[in-house]
């Protein structure tokens, strides 16, 4: 079993092309022996965004704080604190911060 504060996990800058002002913390993943899923914590600074992309696995997202939009196959849909987002496999998507504070969300994905 692992129990630790999320802030104790190193925040790494997301350096993928198209990402702006994004950090990610791998809260639970391969180094913890998790066999099926990765739990990641993203923070997107005001005006920042994740890269626009697709892949063959799903995302399950819970917004912890802030406001923004998620690109849903070309349409921007608003998100805010307390929202749950399911992104199906192979769907074009992107998260963008439209507010004045960090957009912070948990993102669970299958281990790839």
PDB file of N, CA and C in Angstrom:
ATOM      1  N   UNK A   1       0.850  -1.178   0.000  1.00  0.00           N
ATOM      2  CA  UNK A   1       0.000   0.000   0.000  1.00  0.00           C
ATOM      3  C   UNK A   1       0.892   1.236   0.000  1.00  0.00           C
ATOM      4  N   UNK A   2       0.396   2.280  -0.669  1.00  0.00           N
ATOM      5  CA  UNK A   2       1.122   3.545  -0.716  1.00  0.00           C
ATOM      6  C   UNK A   2       0.184   4.643  -0.240  1.00  0.00           C
ATOM      7  N   UNK A   3       0.665   5.461   0.679  1.00  0.00           N
ATOM      8  CA  UNK A   3      -0.068   6.651   1.102  1.00  0.00           C
ATOM      9  C   UNK A   3       0.933   7.786   1.147  1.00  0.00           C
ATOM     10  N   UNK A   4       0.660   8.838   0.407  1.00  0.00           N
ATOM     11  CA  UNK A   4       1.522  10.013   0.476  1.00  0.00           C
ATOM     12  C   UNK A   4       0.767  11.229  -0.024  1.00  0.00           C
ATOM     13  N   UNK A   5       1.229  12.380   0.365  1.00  0.00           N
ATOM     14  CA  UNK A   5       0.639  13.633  -0.082  1.00  0.00           C
ATOM     15  C   UNK A   5       0.990  13.860  -1.553  1.00  0.00           C
ATOM     16  N   UNK A   6       0.011  14.305  -2.323  1.00  0.00           N
ATOM     17  CA  UNK A   6       0.231  14.557  -3.748  1.00  0.00           C
ATOM     18  C   UNK A   6       1.345  15.575  -3.966  1.00  0.00           C
ATOM     19  N   UNK A   7       1.435  16.582  -3.089  1.00  0.00           N
ATOM     20  CA  UNK A   7       2.467  17.604  -3.242  1.00  0.00           C
ATOM     21  C   UNK A   7       3.875  17.067  -3.022  1.00  0.00           C
ATOM     22  N   UNK A   8       3.988  15.868  -2.426  1.00  0.00           N
ATOM     23  CA  UNK A   8       5.299  15.264  -2.218  1.00  0.00           C
ATOM     24  C   UNK A   8       5.843  14.619  -3.491  1.00  0.00           C
ATOM     25  N   UNK A   9       4.975  14.441  -4.489  1.00  0.00           N
ATOM     26  CA  UNK A   9       5.392  13.854  -5.767  1.00  0.00           C
ATOM     27  C   UNK A   9       5.905  14.982  -6.667  1.00  0.00           C
ATOM     28  N   UNK A  10       7.051  14.769  -7.283  1.00  0.00           N
ATOM     29  CA  UNK A  10       7.651  15.789  -8.136  1.00  0.00           C
ATOM     30  C   UNK A  10       6.740  16.146  -9.313  1.00  0.00           C
ATOM     31  N   UNK A  11       6.531  17.451  -9.516  1.00  0.00           N
ATOM     32  CA  UNK A  11       5.782  17.945 -10.677  1.00  0.00           C
ATOM     33  C   UNK A  11       6.761  18.108 -11.830  1.00  0.00           C
ATOM     34  N   UNK A  12       6.476  17.444 -12.930  1.00  0.00           N
ATOM     35  CA  UNK A  12       7.343  17.523 -14.111  1.00  0.00           C
ATOM     36  C   UNK A  12       6.640  18.308 -15.214  1.00  0.00           C
ATOM     37  N   UNK A  13       7.381  19.169 -15.869  1.00  0.00           N
ATOM     38  CA  UNK A  13       6.839  19.936 -16.984  1.00  0.00           C
ATOM     39  C   UNK A  13       6.516  18.992 -18.132  1.00  0.00           C
ATOM     40  N   UNK A  14       5.323  19.150 -18.691  1.00  0.00           N
ATOM     41  CA  UNK A  14       4.934  18.357 -19.852  1.00  0.00           C
ATOM     42  C   UNK A  14       5.586  19.006 -21.067  1.00  0.00           C
ATOM     43  N   UNK A  15       6.538  18.310 -21.665  1.00  0.00           N
ATOM     44  CA  UNK A  15       7.325  18.865 -22.763  1.00  0.00           C
ATOM     45  C   UNK A  15       6.867  18.432 -24.139  1.00  0.00           C
ATOM     46  N   UNK A  16       5.690  17.834 -24.226  1.00  0.00           N
ATOM     47  CA  UNK A  16       5.175  17.381 -25.515  1.00  0.00           C
ATOM     48  C   UNK A  16       4.802  18.595 -26.357  1.00  0.00           C
ATOM     49  N   UNK A  17       5.082  18.537 -27.652  1.00  0.00           N
ATOM     50  CA  UNK A  17       4.742  19.637 -28.545  1.00  0.00           C
ATOM     51  C   UNK A  17       3.249  19.959 -28.441  1.00  0.00           C
ATOM     52  N   UNK A  18       2.945  21.229 -28.284  1.00  0.00           N
ATOM     53  CA  UNK A  18       1.565  21.674 -28.158  1.00  0.00           C
ATOM     54  C   UNK A  18       1.128  21.909 -26.726  1.00  0.00           C
ATOM     55  N   UNK A  19       1.906  21.431 -25.754  1.00  0.00           N
ATOM     56  CA  UNK A  19       1.592  21.674 -24.342  1.00  0.00           C
ATOM     57  C   UNK A  19       2.174  23.023 -23.939  1.00  0.00           C
ATOM     58  N   UNK A  20       1.386  23.806 -23.220  1.00  0.00           N
ATOM     59  CA  UNK A  20       1.839  25.114 -22.749  1.00  0.00           C
ATOM     60  C   UNK A  20       1.431  25.288 -21.290  1.00  0.00           C
ATOM     61  N   UNK A  21       2.414  25.490 -20.414  1.00  0.00           N
ATOM     62  CA  UNK A  21       2.131  25.760 -19.012  1.00  0.00           C
ATOM     63  C   UNK A  21       1.506  24.593 -18.267  1.00  0.00           C
ATOM     64  N   UNK A  22       1.963  23.369 -18.552  1.00  0.00           N
ATOM     65  CA  UNK A  22       1.369  22.168 -17.959  1.00  0.00           C
ATOM     66  C   UNK A  22       2.422  21.392 -17.168  1.00  0.00           C
ATOM     67  N   UNK A  23       2.043  20.994 -15.949  1.00  0.00           N
ATOM     68  CA  UNK A  23       2.870  20.071 -15.177  1.00  0.00           C
ATOM     69  C   UNK A  23       2.046  18.826 -14.860  1.00  0.00           C
ATOM     70  N   UNK A  24       2.767  17.720 -14.611  1.00  0.00           N
ATOM     71  CA  UNK A  24       2.114  16.455 -14.305  1.00  0.00           C
ATOM     72  C   UNK A  24       2.851  15.777 -13.161  1.00  0.00           C
ATOM     73  N   UNK A  25       2.086  15.217 -12.225  1.00  0.00           N
ATOM     74  CA  UNK A  25       2.626  14.393 -11.143  1.00  0.00           C
ATOM     75  C   UNK A  25       2.065  12.981 -11.321  1.00  0.00           C
ATOM     76  N   UNK A  26       2.927  11.987 -11.404  1.00  0.00           N
ATOM     77  CA  UNK A  26       2.495  10.592 -11.471  1.00  0.00           C
ATOM     78  C   UNK A  26       2.230  10.144 -10.033  1.00  0.00           C
ATOM     79  N   UNK A  27       0.978  10.224  -9.610  1.00  0.00           N
ATOM     80  CA  UNK A  27       0.631   9.907  -8.226  1.00  0.00           C
ATOM     81  C   UNK A  27       0.718   8.415  -7.947  1.00  0.00           C
ATOM     82  N   UNK A  28       0.203   7.620  -8.881  1.00  0.00           N
ATOM     83  CA  UNK A  28       0.278   6.163  -8.769  1.00  0.00           C
ATOM     84  C   UNK A  28       0.546   5.627 -10.168  1.00  0.00           C
ATOM     85  N   UNK A  29       1.564   4.809 -10.293  1.00  0.00           N
ATOM     86  CA  UNK A  29       1.922   4.307 -11.612  1.00  0.00           C
ATOM     87  C   UNK A  29       2.823   3.101 -11.533  1.00  0.00           C
ATOM     88  N   UNK A  30       3.586   2.863 -12.598  1.00  0.00           N
ATOM     89  CA  UNK A  30       4.427   1.667 -12.689  1.00  0.00           C
ATOM     90  C   UNK A  30       5.421   1.520 -11.537  1.00  0.00           C
ATOM     91  N   UNK A  31       5.986   2.629 -11.072  1.00  0.00           N
ATOM     92  CA  UNK A  31       6.971   2.548  -9.987  1.00  0.00           C
ATOM     93  C   UNK A  31       6.354   2.085  -8.672  1.00  0.00           C
ATOM     94  N   UNK A  32       5.018   2.158  -8.583  1.00  0.00           N
ATOM     95  CA  UNK A  32       4.312   1.729  -7.377  1.00  0.00           C
ATOM     96  C   UNK A  32       3.794   0.303  -7.497  1.00  0.00           C
ATOM     97  N   UNK A  33       4.035  -0.321  -8.649  1.00  0.00           N
ATOM     98  CA  UNK A  33       3.560  -1.680  -8.879  1.00  0.00           C
ATOM     99  C   UNK A  33       2.096  -1.755  -9.295  1.00  0.00           C
ATOM    100  N   UNK A  34       1.512  -0.617  -9.667  1.00  0.00           N
ATOM    101  CA  UNK A  34       0.106  -0.614 -10.105  1.00  0.00           C
ATOM    102  C   UNK A  34      -0.003  -1.361 -11.436  1.00  0.00           C
ATOM    103  N   UNK A  35      -0.741  -2.465 -11.482  1.00  0.00           N
ATOM    104  CA  UNK A  35      -0.749  -3.303 -12.668  1.00  0.00           C
ATOM    105  C   UNK A  35      -1.654  -2.831 -13.806  1.00  0.00           C
ATOM    106  N   UNK A  36      -2.631  -1.962 -13.519  1.00  0.00           N
ATOM    107  CA  UNK A  36      -3.627  -1.656 -14.554  1.00  0.00           C
ATOM    108  C   UNK A  36      -3.784  -0.187 -14.918  1.00  0.00           C
ATOM    109  N   UNK A  37      -3.614   0.721 -13.963  1.00  0.00           N
ATOM    110  CA  UNK A  37      -3.919   2.128 -14.200  1.00  0.00           C
ATOM    111  C   UNK A  37      -2.806   3.043 -13.715  1.00  0.00           C
ATOM    112  N   UNK A  38      -2.766   4.248 -14.306  1.00  0.00           N
ATOM    113  CA  UNK A  38      -1.926   5.337 -13.833  1.00  0.00           C
ATOM    114  C   UNK A  38      -2.848   6.447 -13.353  1.00  0.00           C
ATOM    115  N   UNK A  39      -2.548   6.997 -12.171  1.00  0.00           N
ATOM    116  CA  UNK A  39      -3.274   8.161 -11.664  1.00  0.00           C
ATOM    117  C   UNK A  39      -2.317   9.348 -11.734  1.00  0.00           C
ATOM    118  N   UNK A  40      -2.722  10.361 -12.519  1.00  0.00           N
ATOM    119  CA  UNK A  40      -1.856  11.511 -12.729  1.00  0.00           C
ATOM    120  C   UNK A  40      -2.583  12.783 -12.296  1.00  0.00           C
ATOM    121  N   UNK A  41      -1.823  13.733 -11.790  1.00  0.00           N
ATOM    122  CA  UNK A  41      -2.359  15.028 -11.397  1.00  0.00           C
ATOM    123  C   UNK A  41      -1.758  16.077 -12.321  1.00  0.00           C
ATOM    124  N   UNK A  42      -2.630  16.760 -13.068  1.00  0.00           N
ATOM    125  CA  UNK A  42      -2.194  17.809 -13.988  1.00  0.00           C
ATOM    126  C   UNK A  42      -2.543  19.171 -13.430  1.00  0.00           C
ATOM    127  N   UNK A  43      -1.667  20.139 -13.669  1.00  0.00           N
ATOM    128  CA  UNK A  43      -1.950  21.541 -13.393  1.00  0.00           C
ATOM    129  C   UNK A  43      -1.637  22.319 -14.659  1.00  0.00           C
ATOM    130  N   UNK A  44      -2.624  23.104 -15.092  1.00  0.00           N
ATOM    131  CA  UNK A  44      -2.491  23.908 -16.300  1.00  0.00           C
ATOM    132  C   UNK A  44      -2.584  25.367 -15.874  1.00  0.00           C
ATOM    133  N   UNK A  45      -1.553  26.134 -16.150  1.00  0.00           N
ATOM    134  CA  UNK A  45      -1.526  27.538 -15.738  1.00  0.00           C
ATOM    135  C   UNK A  45      -2.519  28.350 -16.576  1.00  0.00           C
ATOM    136  N   UNK A  46      -2.915  29.538 -16.086  1.00  0.00           N
ATOM    137  CA  UNK A  46      -3.847  30.378 -16.851  1.00  0.00           C
ATOM    138  C   UNK A  46      -3.344  30.605 -18.281  1.00  0.00           C
ATOM    139  N   UNK A  47      -4.223  30.363 -19.244  1.00  0.00           N
ATOM    140  CA  UNK A  47      -3.876  30.495 -20.657  1.00  0.00           C
ATOM    141  C   UNK A  47      -3.175  29.284 -21.239  1.00  0.00           C
ATOM    142  N   UNK A  48      -2.815  28.312 -20.400  1.00  0.00           N
ATOM    143  CA  UNK A  48      -2.097  27.133 -20.858  1.00  0.00           C
ATOM    144  C   UNK A  48      -3.029  26.044 -21.373  1.00  0.00           C
ATOM    145  N   UNK A  49      -2.427  25.013 -21.985  1.00  0.00           N
ATOM    146  CA  UNK A  49      -3.226  23.915 -22.529  1.00  0.00           C
ATOM    147  C   UNK A  49      -2.391  22.654 -22.649  1.00  0.00           C
ATOM    148  N   UNK A  50      -3.094  21.523 -22.632  1.00  0.00           N
ATOM    149  CA  UNK A  50      -2.465  20.253 -22.959  1.00  0.00           C
ATOM    150  C   UNK A  50      -2.384  20.164 -24.478  1.00  0.00           C
ATOM    151  N   UNK A  51      -1.575  19.281 -25.023  1.00  0.00           N
ATOM    152  CA  UNK A  51      -1.529  19.154 -26.473  1.00  0.00           C
ATOM    153  C   UNK A  51      -2.837  18.586 -27.024  1.00  0.00           C
ATOM    154  N   UNK A  52      -3.210  19.013 -28.206  1.00  0.00           N
ATOM    155  CA  UNK A  52      -4.375  18.426 -28.888  1.00  0.00           C
ATOM    156  C   UNK A  52      -3.902  17.106 -29.484  1.00  0.00           C
ATOM    157  N   UNK A  53      -4.615  16.013 -29.148  1.00  0.00           N
ATOM    158  CA  UNK A  53      -4.136  14.700 -29.585  1.00  0.00           C
ATOM    159  C   UNK A  53      -5.239  13.645 -29.507  1.00  0.00           C
ATOM    160  N   UNK A  54      -4.924  12.476 -30.033  1.00  0.00           N
ATOM    161  CA  UNK A  54      -5.775  11.293 -29.933  1.00  0.00           C
ATOM    162  C   UNK A  54      -4.880  10.101 -29.578  1.00  0.00           C
ATOM    163  N   UNK A  55      -5.490   9.070 -29.035  1.00  0.00           N
ATOM    164  CA  UNK A  55      -4.799   7.807 -28.769  1.00  0.00           C
ATOM    165  C   UNK A  55      -5.853   6.729 -28.558  1.00  0.00           C
ATOM    166  N   UNK A  56      -5.405   5.493 -28.488  1.00  0.00           N
ATOM    167  CA  UNK A  56      -6.364   4.386 -28.465  1.00  0.00           C
ATOM    168  C   UNK A  56      -6.783   3.945 -27.062  1.00  0.00           C
ATOM    169  N   UNK A  57      -6.610   4.795 -26.055  1.00  0.00           N
ATOM    170  CA  UNK A  57      -7.087   4.479 -24.710  1.00  0.00           C
ATOM    171  C   UNK A  57      -7.952   5.617 -24.184  1.00  0.00           C
ATOM    172  N   UNK A  58      -8.756   5.289 -23.189  1.00  0.00           N
ATOM    173  CA  UNK A  58      -9.671   6.257 -22.591  1.00  0.00           C
ATOM    174  C   UNK A  58      -8.966   7.093 -21.525  1.00  0.00           C
ATOM    175  N   UNK A  59      -9.587   8.239 -21.217  1.00  0.00           N
ATOM    176  CA  UNK A  59      -9.206   9.081 -20.075  1.00  0.00           C
ATOM    177  C   UNK A  59     -10.415   9.169 -19.155  1.00  0.00           C
ATOM    178  N   UNK A  60     -10.165   9.188 -17.869  1.00  0.00           N
ATOM    179  CA  UNK A  60     -11.190   9.509 -16.880  1.00  0.00           C
ATOM    180  C   UNK A  60     -10.622  10.647 -16.051  1.00  0.00           C
ATOM    181  N   UNK A  61     -11.316  11.785 -16.066  1.00  0.00           N
ATOM    182  CA  UNK A  61     -10.796  13.023 -15.489  1.00  0.00           C
ATOM    183  C   UNK A  61     -11.758  13.542 -14.427  1.00  0.00           C
ATOM    184  N   UNK A  62     -11.187  14.039 -13.321  1.00  0.00           N
ATOM    185  CA  UNK A  62     -11.964  14.725 -12.284  1.00  0.00           C
ATOM    186  C   UNK A  62     -11.307  16.077 -12.037  1.00  0.00           C
ATOM    187  N   UNK A  63     -12.080  17.159 -12.214  1.00  0.00           N
ATOM    188  CA  UNK A  63     -11.551  18.513 -12.057  1.00  0.00           C
ATOM    189  C   UNK A  63     -11.561  18.882 -10.569  1.00  0.00           C
ATOM    190  N   UNK A  64     -10.370  19.136 -10.026  1.00  0.00           N
ATOM    191  CA  UNK A  64     -10.209  19.485  -8.614  1.00  0.00           C
ATOM    192  C   UNK A  64     -10.419  20.973  -8.360  1.00  0.00           C
ATOM    193  N   UNK A  65      -9.937  21.816  -9.276  1.00  0.00           N
ATOM    194  CA  UNK A  65     -10.091  23.263  -9.108  1.00  0.00           C
ATOM    195  C   UNK A  65      -9.834  23.969 -10.430  1.00  0.00           C
ATOM    196  N   UNK A  66     -10.403  25.173 -10.514  1.00  0.00           N
ATOM    197  CA  UNK A  66     -10.208  25.997 -11.700  1.00  0.00           C
ATOM    198  C   UNK A  66     -11.325  25.834 -12.711  1.00  0.00           C
ATOM    199  N   UNK A  67     -11.156  26.558 -13.819  1.00  0.00           N
ATOM    200  CA  UNK A  67     -12.116  26.502 -14.923  1.00  0.00           C
ATOM    201  C   UNK A  67     -11.362  26.403 -16.238  1.00  0.00           C
ATOM    202  N   UNK A  68     -12.027  25.843 -17.216  1.00  0.00           N
ATOM    203  CA  UNK A  68     -11.408  25.716 -18.524  1.00  0.00           C
ATOM    204  C   UNK A  68     -12.386  25.158 -19.524  1.00  0.00           C
ATOM    205  N   UNK A  69     -11.829  24.682 -20.624  1.00  0.00           N
ATOM    206  CA  UNK A  69     -12.618  24.007 -21.645  1.00  0.00           C
ATOM    207  C   UNK A  69     -11.890  22.734 -22.042  1.00  0.00           C
ATOM    208  N   UNK A  70     -12.672  21.754 -22.456  1.00  0.00           N
ATOM    209  CA  UNK A  70     -12.101  20.545 -23.036  1.00  0.00           C
ATOM    210  C   UNK A  70     -12.603  20.469 -24.465  1.00  0.00           C
ATOM    211  N   UNK A  71     -11.682  20.238 -25.373  1.00  0.00           N
ATOM    212  CA  UNK A  71     -12.029  20.087 -26.782  1.00  0.00           C
ATOM    213  C   UNK A  71     -12.609  18.695 -26.958  1.00  0.00           C
ATOM    214  N   UNK A  72     -13.814  18.639 -27.465  1.00  0.00           N
ATOM    215  CA  UNK A  72     -14.563  17.395 -27.637  1.00  0.00           C
ATOM    216  C   UNK A  72     -14.862  17.237 -29.120  1.00  0.00           C
ATOM    217  N   UNK A  73     -13.965  16.548 -29.836  1.00  0.00           N
ATOM    218  CA  UNK A  73     -14.098  16.374 -31.285  1.00  0.00           C
ATOM    219  C   UNK A  73     -14.399  17.690 -31.989  1.00  0.00           C
ATOM    220  N   UNK A  74     -13.609  18.733 -31.657  1.00  0.00           N
ATOM    221  CA  UNK A  74     -13.715  20.017 -32.335  1.00  0.00           C
ATOM    222  C   UNK A  74     -14.589  21.043 -31.638  1.00  0.00           C
ATOM    223  N   UNK A  75     -15.371  20.643 -30.649  1.00  0.00           N
ATOM    224  CA  UNK A  75     -16.243  21.571 -29.925  1.00  0.00           C
ATOM    225  C   UNK A  75     -15.682  21.805 -28.528  1.00  0.00           C
ATOM    226  N   UNK A  76     -15.572  23.093 -28.125  1.00  0.00           N
ATOM    227  CA  UNK A  76     -15.107  23.408 -26.782  1.00  0.00           C
ATOM    228  C   UNK A  76     -16.265  23.307 -25.799  1.00  0.00           C
ATOM    229  N   UNK A  77     -16.062  22.532 -24.739  1.00  0.00           N
ATOM    230  CA  UNK A  77     -17.086  22.363 -23.701  1.00  0.00           C
ATOM    231  C   UNK A  77     -16.511  22.834 -22.379  1.00  0.00           C
ATOM    232  N   UNK A  78     -17.251  23.668 -21.634  1.00  0.00           N
ATOM    233  CA  UNK A  78     -16.727  24.201 -20.383  1.00  0.00           C
ATOM    234  C   UNK A  78     -16.603  23.129 -19.307  1.00  0.00           C
ATOM    235  N   UNK A  79     -15.555  23.273 -18.476  1.00  0.00           N
ATOM    236  CA  UNK A  79     -15.360  22.404 -17.319  1.00  0.00           C
ATOM    237  C   UNK A  79     -14.996  23.274 -16.118  1.00  0.00           C
ATOM    238  N   UNK A  80     -15.340  22.788 -14.931  1.00  0.00           N
ATOM    239  CA  UNK A  80     -14.996  23.516 -13.707  1.00  0.00           C
ATOM    240  C   UNK A  80     -14.943  22.532 -12.535  1.00  0.00           C
ATOM    241  N   UNK A  81     -14.574  23.048 -11.383  1.00  0.00           N
ATOM    242  CA  UNK A  81     -14.417  22.253 -10.166  1.00  0.00           C
ATOM    243  C   UNK A  81     -15.592  21.293  -9.962  1.00  0.00           C
ATOM    244  N   UNK A  82     -15.270  20.033  -9.747  1.00  0.00           N
ATOM    245  CA  UNK A  82     -16.280  19.013  -9.487  1.00  0.00           C
ATOM    246  C   UNK A  82     -16.757  18.264 -10.717  1.00  0.00           C
ATOM    247  N   UNK A  83     -16.376  18.720 -11.904  1.00  0.00           N
ATOM    248  CA  UNK A  83     -16.806  18.025 -13.121  1.00  0.00           C
ATOM    249  C   UNK A  83     -16.015  16.736 -13.324  1.00  0.00           C
ATOM    250  N   UNK A  84     -16.711  15.721 -13.864  1.00  0.00           N
ATOM    251  CA  UNK A  84     -16.102  14.467 -14.288  1.00  0.00           C
ATOM    252  C   UNK A  84     -16.158  14.429 -15.804  1.00  0.00           C
ATOM    253  N   UNK A  85     -15.081  14.016 -16.437  1.00  0.00           N
ATOM    254  CA  UNK A  85     -14.997  13.982 -17.896  1.00  0.00           C
ATOM    255  C   UNK A  85     -14.542  12.594 -18.314  1.00  0.00           C
ATOM    256  N   UNK A  86     -15.276  12.001 -19.249  1.00  0.00           N
ATOM    257  CA  UNK A  86     -14.855  10.740 -19.853  1.00  0.00           C
ATOM    258  C   UNK A  86     -14.482  11.033 -21.297  1.00  0.00           C
ATOM    259  N   UNK A  87     -13.241  10.739 -21.681  1.00  0.00           N
ATOM    260  CA  UNK A  87     -12.781  10.899 -23.057  1.00  0.00           C
ATOM    261  C   UNK A  87     -12.595   9.501 -23.635  1.00  0.00           C
ATOM    262  N   UNK A  88     -13.443   9.113 -24.594  1.00  0.00           N
ATOM    263  CA  UNK A  88     -13.324   7.772 -25.166  1.00  0.00           C
ATOM    264  C   UNK A  88     -12.039   7.596 -25.983  1.00  0.00           C
ATOM    265  N   UNK A  89     -11.656   6.361 -26.230  1.00  0.00           N
ATOM    266  CA  UNK A  89     -10.491   6.107 -27.082  1.00  0.00           C
ATOM    267  C   UNK A  89     -10.676   6.734 -28.458  1.00  0.00           C
ATOM    268  N   UNK A  90      -9.575   7.178 -29.044  1.00  0.00           N
ATOM    269  CA  UNK A  90      -9.514   7.711 -30.412  1.00  0.00           C
ATOM    270  C   UNK A  90     -10.278   9.013 -30.615  1.00  0.00           C
ATOM    271  N   UNK A  91     -10.655   9.712 -29.536  1.00  0.00           N
ATOM    272  CA  UNK A  91     -11.333  10.999 -29.675  1.00  0.00           C
ATOM    273  C   UNK A  91     -10.318  12.130 -29.558  1.00  0.00           C
ATOM    274  N   UNK A  92     -10.347  13.048 -30.521  1.00  0.00           N
ATOM    275  CA  UNK A  92      -9.488  14.225 -30.513  1.00  0.00           C
ATOM    276  C   UNK A  92      -9.855  15.069 -29.291  1.00  0.00           C
ATOM    277  N   UNK A  93      -8.858  15.419 -28.452  1.00  0.00           N
ATOM    278  CA  UNK A  93      -9.163  16.151 -27.230  1.00  0.00           C
ATOM    279  C   UNK A  93      -7.997  17.037 -26.801  1.00  0.00           C
ATOM    280  N   UNK A  94      -8.333  18.027 -25.970  1.00  0.00           N
ATOM    281  CA  UNK A  94      -7.366  18.956 -25.408  1.00  0.00           C
ATOM    282  C   UNK A  94      -8.026  19.640 -24.213  1.00  0.00           C
ATOM    283  N   UNK A  95      -7.252  19.923 -23.165  1.00  0.00           N
ATOM    284  CA  UNK A  95      -7.737  20.675 -22.008  1.00  0.00           C
ATOM    285  C   UNK A  95      -7.055  22.035 -22.022  1.00  0.00           C
ATOM    286  N   UNK A  96      -7.845  23.106 -21.830  1.00  0.00           N
ATOM    287  CA  UNK A  96      -7.295  24.466 -21.852  1.00  0.00           C
ATOM    288  C   UNK A  96      -7.844  25.254 -20.671  1.00  0.00           C
ATOM    289  N   UNK A  97      -6.955  25.967 -19.998  1.00  0.00           N
ATOM    290  CA  UNK A  97      -7.328  26.803 -18.858  1.00  0.00           C
ATOM    291  C   UNK A  97      -7.834  28.149 -19.370  1.00  0.00           C
ATOM    292  N   UNK A  98      -9.063  28.507 -19.003  1.00  0.00           N
ATOM    293  CA  UNK A  98      -9.642  29.792 -19.401  1.00  0.00           C
ATOM    294  C   UNK A  98      -9.797  30.737 -18.212  1.00  0.00           C
ATOM    295  N   UNK A  99      -9.326  30.328 -17.045  1.00  0.00           N
ATOM    296  CA  UNK A  99      -9.506  31.126 -15.833  1.00  0.00           C
ATOM    297  C   UNK A  99      -8.244  31.831 -15.392  1.00  0.00           C
ATOM    298  N   UNK A 100      -8.311  32.414 -14.201  1.00  0.00           N
ATOM    299  CA  UNK A 100      -7.208  33.179 -13.650  1.00  0.00           C
ATOM    300  C   UNK A 100      -6.373  32.428 -12.638  1.00  0.00           C
ATOM    301  N   UNK A 101      -6.731  31.186 -12.335  1.00  0.00           N
ATOM    302  CA  UNK A 101      -5.951  30.343 -11.424  1.00  0.00           C
ATOM    303  C   UNK A 101      -5.663  29.025 -12.124  1.00  0.00           C
ATOM    304  N   UNK A 102      -4.783  28.223 -11.548  1.00  0.00           N
ATOM    305  CA  UNK A 102      -4.451  26.948 -12.178  1.00  0.00           C
ATOM    306  C   UNK A 102      -5.682  26.060 -12.308  1.00  0.00           C
ATOM    307  N   UNK A 103      -5.790  25.394 -13.442  1.00  0.00           N
ATOM    308  CA  UNK A 103      -6.770  24.336 -13.663  1.00  0.00           C
ATOM    309  C   UNK A 103      -6.079  23.058 -13.215  1.00  0.00           C
ATOM    310  N   UNK A 104      -6.671  22.381 -12.232  1.00  0.00           N
ATOM    311  CA  UNK A 104      -6.041  21.218 -11.615  1.00  0.00           C
ATOM    312  C   UNK A 104      -6.994  20.036 -11.753  1.00  0.00           C
ATOM    313  N   UNK A 105      -6.503  18.927 -12.319  1.00  0.00           N
ATOM    314  CA  UNK A 105      -7.375  17.760 -12.475  1.00  0.00           C
ATOM    315  C   UNK A 105      -6.608  16.449 -12.341  1.00  0.00           C
ATOM    316  N   UNK A 106      -7.331  15.452 -11.834  1.00  0.00           N
ATOM    317  CA  UNK A 106      -6.831  14.086 -11.816  1.00  0.00           C
ATOM    318  C   UNK A 106      -7.177  13.435 -13.144  1.00  0.00           C
ATOM    319  N   UNK A 107      -6.273  12.648 -13.663  1.00  0.00           N
ATOM    320  CA  UNK A 107      -6.501  11.943 -14.916  1.00  0.00           C
ATOM    321  C   UNK A 107      -6.054  10.494 -14.727  1.00  0.00           C
ATOM    322  N   UNK A 108      -6.999   9.575 -14.919  1.00  0.00           N
ATOM    323  CA  UNK A 108      -6.707   8.151 -14.807  1.00  0.00           C
ATOM    324  C   UNK A 108      -6.719   7.545 -16.202  1.00  0.00           C
ATOM    325  N   UNK A 109      -5.675   6.807 -16.515  1.00  0.00           N
ATOM    326  CA  UNK A 109      -5.565   6.140 -17.814  1.00  0.00           C
ATOM    327  C   UNK A 109      -5.077   4.715 -17.597  1.00  0.00           C
ATOM    328  N   UNK A 110      -5.410   3.826 -18.525  1.00  0.00           N
ATOM    329  CA  UNK A 110      -4.871   2.468 -18.428  1.00  0.00           C
ATOM    330  C   UNK A 110      -3.353   2.503 -18.574  1.00  0.00           C
ATOM    331  N   UNK A 111      -2.689   1.581 -17.930  1.00  0.00           N
ATOM    332  CA  UNK A 111      -1.242   1.447 -18.070  1.00  0.00           C
ATOM    333  C   UNK A 111      -0.950   1.063 -19.519  1.00  0.00           C
ATOM    334  N   UNK A 112      -0.108   1.835 -20.165  1.00  0.00           N
ATOM    335  CA  UNK A 112       0.216   1.554 -21.582  1.00  0.00           C
ATOM    336  C   UNK A 112       1.652   1.147 -21.742  1.00  0.00           C
TER     337      UNK A 112
END
